[in-house]
Amino acid sequence: MYGQVAEEVGLTWGGRWKMMDLGHVEYHKPGFKLGRSSAR
């Protein structure tokens, strides 16, 4: 239920990850990219 509610409000739930983390949620701004910026 926790993961379902988190996803309904736009969060990423750790229960869907390859290495599950059931108590973890994350918010990513639209357009957010993981990794280093190439604009160095």
PDB file of N, CA and C in Angstrom:
ATOM      1  N   MET A   1       0.825  -1.189   0.000  1.00  0.00           N
ATOM      2  CA  MET A   1       0.000   0.000   0.000  1.00  0.00           C
ATOM      3  C   MET A   1       0.875   1.263   0.000  1.00  0.00           C
ATOM      4  N   TYR A   2       1.967   1.242   0.755  1.00  0.00           N
ATOM      5  CA  TYR A   2       2.866   2.399   0.822  1.00  0.00           C
ATOM      6  C   TYR A   2       3.396   2.755  -0.562  1.00  0.00           C
ATOM      7  N   GLY A   3       3.881   1.753  -1.279  1.00  0.00           N
ATOM      8  CA  GLY A   3       4.412   1.975  -2.622  1.00  0.00           C
ATOM      9  C   GLY A   3       3.355   2.458  -3.590  1.00  0.00           C
ATOM     10  N   GLN A   4       2.157   1.910  -3.488  1.00  0.00           N
ATOM     11  CA  GLN A   4       1.059   2.310  -4.371  1.00  0.00           C
ATOM     12  C   GLN A   4       0.723   3.783  -4.173  1.00  0.00           C
ATOM     13  N   VAL A   5       0.615   4.205  -2.929  1.00  0.00           N
ATOM     14  CA  VAL A   5       0.303   5.608  -2.633  1.00  0.00           C
ATOM     15  C   VAL A   5       1.434   6.512  -3.106  1.00  0.00           C
ATOM     16  N   ALA A   6       2.673   6.107  -2.858  1.00  0.00           N
ATOM     17  CA  ALA A   6       3.826   6.907  -3.286  1.00  0.00           C
ATOM     18  C   ALA A   6       3.810   7.116  -4.799  1.00  0.00           C
ATOM     19  N   GLU A   7       3.560   6.045  -5.550  1.00  0.00           N
ATOM     20  CA  GLU A   7       3.539   6.152  -7.010  1.00  0.00           C
ATOM     21  C   GLU A   7       2.355   6.978  -7.504  1.00  0.00           C
ATOM     22  N   GLU A   8       1.225   6.913  -6.809  1.00  0.00           N
ATOM     23  CA  GLU A   8       0.050   7.698  -7.202  1.00  0.00           C
ATOM     24  C   GLU A   8       0.306   9.198  -7.119  1.00  0.00           C
ATOM     25  N   VAL A   9       1.192   9.605  -6.218  1.00  0.00           N
ATOM     26  CA  VAL A   9       1.491  11.036  -6.089  1.00  0.00           C
ATOM     27  C   VAL A   9       2.761  11.432  -6.839  1.00  0.00           C
ATOM     28  N   GLY A  10       3.296  10.510  -7.659  1.00  0.00           N
ATOM     29  CA  GLY A  10       4.409  10.853  -8.533  1.00  0.00           C
ATOM     30  C   GLY A  10       5.796  10.540  -8.015  1.00  0.00           C
ATOM     31  N   LEU A  11       5.902   9.771  -6.938  1.00  0.00           N
ATOM     32  CA  LEU A  11       7.208   9.404  -6.402  1.00  0.00           C
ATOM     33  C   LEU A  11       7.677   8.083  -7.004  1.00  0.00           C
ATOM     34  N   THR A  12       8.976   7.847  -6.969  1.00  0.00           N
ATOM     35  CA  THR A  12       9.552   6.575  -7.394  1.00  0.00           C
ATOM     36  C   THR A  12       9.708   5.716  -6.148  1.00  0.00           C
ATOM     37  N   TRP A  13       9.134   4.513  -6.171  1.00  0.00           N
ATOM     38  CA  TRP A  13       9.156   3.628  -5.009  1.00  0.00           C
ATOM     39  C   TRP A  13      10.265   2.599  -5.137  1.00  0.00           C
ATOM     40  N   GLY A  14      11.039   2.432  -4.085  1.00  0.00           N
ATOM     41  CA  GLY A  14      12.151   1.492  -4.063  1.00  0.00           C
ATOM     42  C   GLY A  14      11.755   0.027  -4.175  1.00  0.00           C
ATOM     43  N   GLY A  15      10.506  -0.305  -3.995  1.00  0.00           N
ATOM     44  CA  GLY A  15      10.036  -1.680  -4.127  1.00  0.00           C
ATOM     45  C   GLY A  15      10.037  -2.177  -5.558  1.00  0.00           C
ATOM     46  N   ARG A  16      10.223  -1.298  -6.521  1.00  0.00           N
ATOM     47  CA  ARG A  16      10.275  -1.691  -7.934  1.00  0.00           C
ATOM     48  C   ARG A  16      11.714  -1.817  -8.439  1.00  0.00           C
ATOM     49  N   TRP A  17      12.689  -1.536  -7.591  1.00  0.00           N
ATOM     50  CA  TRP A  17      14.082  -1.596  -8.003  1.00  0.00           C
ATOM     51  C   TRP A  17      14.591  -3.028  -8.017  1.00  0.00           C
ATOM     52  N   LYS A  18      15.673  -3.267  -8.757  1.00  0.00           N
ATOM     53  CA  LYS A  18      16.283  -4.596  -8.825  1.00  0.00           C
ATOM     54  C   LYS A  18      16.656  -5.073  -7.420  1.00  0.00           C
ATOM     55  N   MET A  19      17.280  -4.205  -6.633  1.00  0.00           N
ATOM     56  CA  MET A  19      17.559  -4.507  -5.221  1.00  0.00           C
ATOM     57  C   MET A  19      16.523  -3.741  -4.405  1.00  0.00           C
ATOM     58  N   MET A  20      15.413  -4.415  -4.101  1.00  0.00           N
ATOM     59  CA  MET A  20      14.270  -3.763  -3.460  1.00  0.00           C
ATOM     60  C   MET A  20      14.646  -3.050  -2.170  1.00  0.00           C
ATOM     61  N   ASP A  21      14.065  -1.872  -2.004  1.00  0.00           N
ATOM     62  CA  ASP A  21      14.190  -1.085  -0.783  1.00  0.00           C
ATOM     63  C   ASP A  21      12.775  -0.595  -0.482  1.00  0.00           C
ATOM     64  N   LEU A  22      11.995  -1.448   0.182  1.00  0.00           N
ATOM     65  CA  LEU A  22      10.562  -1.224   0.335  1.00  0.00           C
ATOM     66  C   LEU A  22      10.201   0.069   1.063  1.00  0.00           C
ATOM     67  N   GLY A  23      11.042   0.551   1.934  1.00  0.00           N
ATOM     68  CA  GLY A  23      10.737   1.755   2.690  1.00  0.00           C
ATOM     69  C   GLY A  23      11.259   3.034   2.061  1.00  0.00           C
ATOM     70  N   HIS A  24      11.729   2.969   0.819  1.00  0.00           N
ATOM     71  CA  HIS A  24      12.386   4.108   0.179  1.00  0.00           C
ATOM     72  C   HIS A  24      11.531   4.673  -0.947  1.00  0.00           C
ATOM     73  N   VAL A  25      11.391   5.991  -0.963  1.00  0.00           N
ATOM     74  CA  VAL A  25      10.760   6.687  -2.090  1.00  0.00           C
ATOM     75  C   VAL A  25      11.641   7.864  -2.476  1.00  0.00           C
ATOM     76  N   GLU A  26      11.558   8.267  -3.740  1.00  0.00           N
ATOM     77  CA  GLU A  26      12.337   9.405  -4.229  1.00  0.00           C
ATOM     78  C   GLU A  26      11.472  10.291  -5.097  1.00  0.00           C
ATOM     79  N   TYR A  27      11.790  11.581  -5.065  1.00  0.00           N
ATOM     80  CA  TYR A  27      11.161  12.543  -5.963  1.00  0.00           C
ATOM     81  C   TYR A  27      12.230  13.031  -6.928  1.00  0.00           C
ATOM     82  N   HIS A  28      11.911  13.003  -8.210  1.00  0.00           N
ATOM     83  CA  HIS A  28      12.818  13.521  -9.233  1.00  0.00           C
ATOM     84  C   HIS A  28      12.105  14.638  -9.975  1.00  0.00           C
ATOM     85  N   LYS A  29      12.754  15.782 -10.059  1.00  0.00           N
ATOM     86  CA  LYS A  29      12.189  16.892 -10.825  1.00  0.00           C
ATOM     87  C   LYS A  29      12.031  16.472 -12.278  1.00  0.00           C
ATOM     88  N   PRO A  30      10.994  16.958 -12.964  1.00  0.00           N
ATOM     89  CA  PRO A  30      10.852  16.653 -14.391  1.00  0.00           C
ATOM     90  C   PRO A  30      12.117  17.054 -15.153  1.00  0.00           C
ATOM     91  N   GLY A  31      12.603  16.174 -16.005  1.00  0.00           N
ATOM     92  CA  GLY A  31      13.809  16.432 -16.776  1.00  0.00           C
ATOM     93  C   GLY A  31      15.088  16.056 -16.055  1.00  0.00           C
ATOM     94  N   PHE A  32      14.983  15.577 -14.815  1.00  0.00           N
ATOM     95  CA  PHE A  32      16.148  15.183 -14.026  1.00  0.00           C
ATOM     96  C   PHE A  32      16.831  13.974 -14.651  1.00  0.00           C
ATOM     97  N   LYS A  33      18.152  14.029 -14.768  1.00  0.00           N
ATOM     98  CA  LYS A  33      18.930  12.914 -15.313  1.00  0.00           C
ATOM     99  C   LYS A  33      19.974  12.491 -14.285  1.00  0.00           C
ATOM    100  N   LEU A  34      20.115  11.187 -14.065  1.00  0.00           N
ATOM    101  CA  LEU A  34      21.150  10.686 -13.172  1.00  0.00           C
ATOM    102  C   LEU A  34      22.497  10.748 -13.872  1.00  0.00           C
ATOM    103  N   GLY A  35      23.554  10.945 -13.115  1.00  0.00           N
ATOM    104  CA  GLY A  35      24.896  10.976 -13.691  1.00  0.00           C
ATOM    105  C   GLY A  35      25.461  12.378 -13.688  1.00  0.00           C
ATOM    106  N   ARG A  36      26.670  12.472 -14.161  1.00  0.00           N
ATOM    107  CA  ARG A  36      27.365  13.764 -14.179  1.00  0.00           C
ATOM    108  C   ARG A  36      26.948  14.604 -15.362  1.00  0.00           C
ATOM    109  N   SER A  37      27.007  15.885 -15.167  1.00  0.00           N
ATOM    110  CA  SER A  37      26.705  16.824 -16.244  1.00  0.00           C
ATOM    111  C   SER A  37      27.857  16.851 -17.238  1.00  0.00           C
ATOM    112  N   SER A  38      27.537  16.905 -18.514  1.00  0.00           N
ATOM    113  CA  SER A  38      28.583  16.974 -19.534  1.00  0.00           C
ATOM    114  C   SER A  38      28.986  18.418 -19.825  1.00  0.00           C
ATOM    115  N   ALA A  39      28.410  19.369 -19.092  1.00  0.00           N
ATOM    116  CA  ALA A  39      28.681  20.791 -19.327  1.00  0.00           C
ATOM    117  C   ALA A  39      29.806  21.300 -18.433  1.00  0.00           C
ATOM    118  N   ARG A  40      30.837  20.520 -18.210  1.00  0.00           N
ATOM    119  CA  ARG A  40      31.953  20.944 -17.344  1.00  0.00           C
ATOM    120  C   ARG A  40      32.943  21.764 -18.090  1.00  0.00           C
TER     121      ARG A  40
END
